[in-house]
Amino acid sequence: MNLLQLTVSRVDAPVFDGEVVSVHVPGVAGDMEIMANHEALISPLKAGVIRVDLENGETNRYDIESGTLEISNNHATILI
């Protein structure tokens, strides 16, 4: 299975760093699902929930008030 490297960080501490099946984010222009090999993208995020789907079937959720998503070379970085 193709996986996406994901890093989620707050200004004061890392939140998550690992490989995921997909990540769902609340984009300003609408909700997005990001999977492995997604094209390069930078997008602002609005208040909502980031949902991280792990390879073992578990799901992590993180409430955010705003943030930024950057995707490049199969690595997604979310700053919240």
Protein backbone atom coordinates (compact mmCIF):
# COMPACT_ATOMS: atom_id res chain seq x y z
CA MET A 1 0.00 0.00 0.00
CA ASN A 2 1.29 3.47 -0.86
CA LEU A 3 1.61 5.66 2.21
CA LEU A 4 1.99 9.39 2.74
CA GLN A 5 4.53 10.85 5.17
CA LEU A 6 2.66 13.28 7.45
CA THR A 7 3.94 15.82 9.95
CA VAL A 8 1.49 17.82 12.08
CA SER A 9 3.06 20.50 14.29
CA ARG A 10 2.02 23.28 16.61
CA VAL A 11 4.29 26.26 17.19
CA ASP A 12 5.29 24.88 20.59
CA ALA A 13 5.42 21.11 19.94
CA PRO A 14 5.12 18.33 17.36
CA VAL A 15 1.71 16.63 17.27
CA PHE A 16 2.14 13.72 14.82
CA ASP A 17 4.92 12.41 12.58
CA GLY A 18 4.55 9.19 10.61
CA GLU A 19 3.22 7.36 7.57
CA VAL A 20 -0.54 7.45 6.91
CA VAL A 21 -3.05 6.09 4.41
CA SER A 22 -4.78 9.48 4.12
CA VAL A 23 -5.43 12.74 5.90
CA HIS A 24 -8.67 14.74 5.74
CA VAL A 25 -8.35 18.49 6.29
CA PRO A 26 -10.79 21.43 6.47
CA GLY A 27 -9.55 23.60 3.61
CA VAL A 28 -10.79 27.17 3.28
CA ALA A 29 -12.17 26.28 -0.17
CA GLY A 30 -13.66 22.99 1.09
CA ASP A 31 -12.71 19.75 2.79
CA MET A 32 -9.88 17.75 1.18
CA GLU A 33 -8.63 14.18 1.40
CA ILE A 34 -4.90 13.81 0.78
CA MET A 35 -3.43 10.42 -0.15
CA ALA A 36 0.00 9.16 -1.24
CA ASN A 37 1.59 10.81 -4.29
CA HIS A 38 -0.71 13.84 -4.21
CA GLU A 39 0.43 16.73 -6.39
CA ALA A 40 2.28 19.63 -4.77
CA LEU A 41 -0.06 21.99 -2.95
CA ILE A 42 -0.13 24.79 -0.38
CA SER A 43 -3.51 25.57 1.21
CA PRO A 44 -4.81 27.52 4.20
CA LEU A 45 -6.96 25.55 6.63
CA LYS A 46 -10.04 26.73 8.53
CA ALA A 47 -11.39 25.70 11.92
CA GLY A 48 -12.43 22.06 12.03
CA VAL A 49 -11.02 18.58 12.49
CA ILE A 50 -7.98 16.95 10.89
CA ARG A 51 -8.64 13.22 10.49
CA VAL A 52 -5.61 10.96 10.05
CA ASP A 53 -6.25 7.42 8.76
CA LEU A 54 -3.46 5.02 9.78
CA GLU A 55 -2.42 1.80 8.02
CA ASN A 56 -3.56 -0.33 10.98
CA GLY A 57 -7.14 0.96 10.58
CA GLU A 58 -7.00 3.41 13.48
CA THR A 59 -8.00 7.05 13.06
CA ASN A 60 -6.52 10.03 14.89
CA ARG A 61 -8.43 13.32 15.13
CA TYR A 62 -7.07 16.78 15.90
CA ASP A 63 -9.24 19.87 16.43
CA ILE A 64 -7.79 23.00 14.85
CA GLU A 65 -8.72 26.67 14.68
CA SER A 66 -6.65 27.39 11.57
CA GLY A 67 -3.49 26.21 9.86
CA THR A 68 -1.51 25.68 6.68
CA LEU A 69 -1.09 22.52 4.61
CA GLU A 70 1.93 21.98 2.36
CA ILE A 71 2.42 18.89 0.18
CA SER A 72 5.63 18.12 -1.70
CA ASN A 73 7.36 14.88 -2.73
CA ASN A 74 4.85 12.60 -0.94
CA HIS A 75 5.26 14.49 2.35
CA ALA A 76 2.43 16.55 3.83
CA THR A 77 3.20 19.12 6.52
CA ILE A 78 0.41 20.73 8.53
CA LEU A 79 1.20 23.70 10.76
CA ILE A 80 -1.54 24.49 13.28
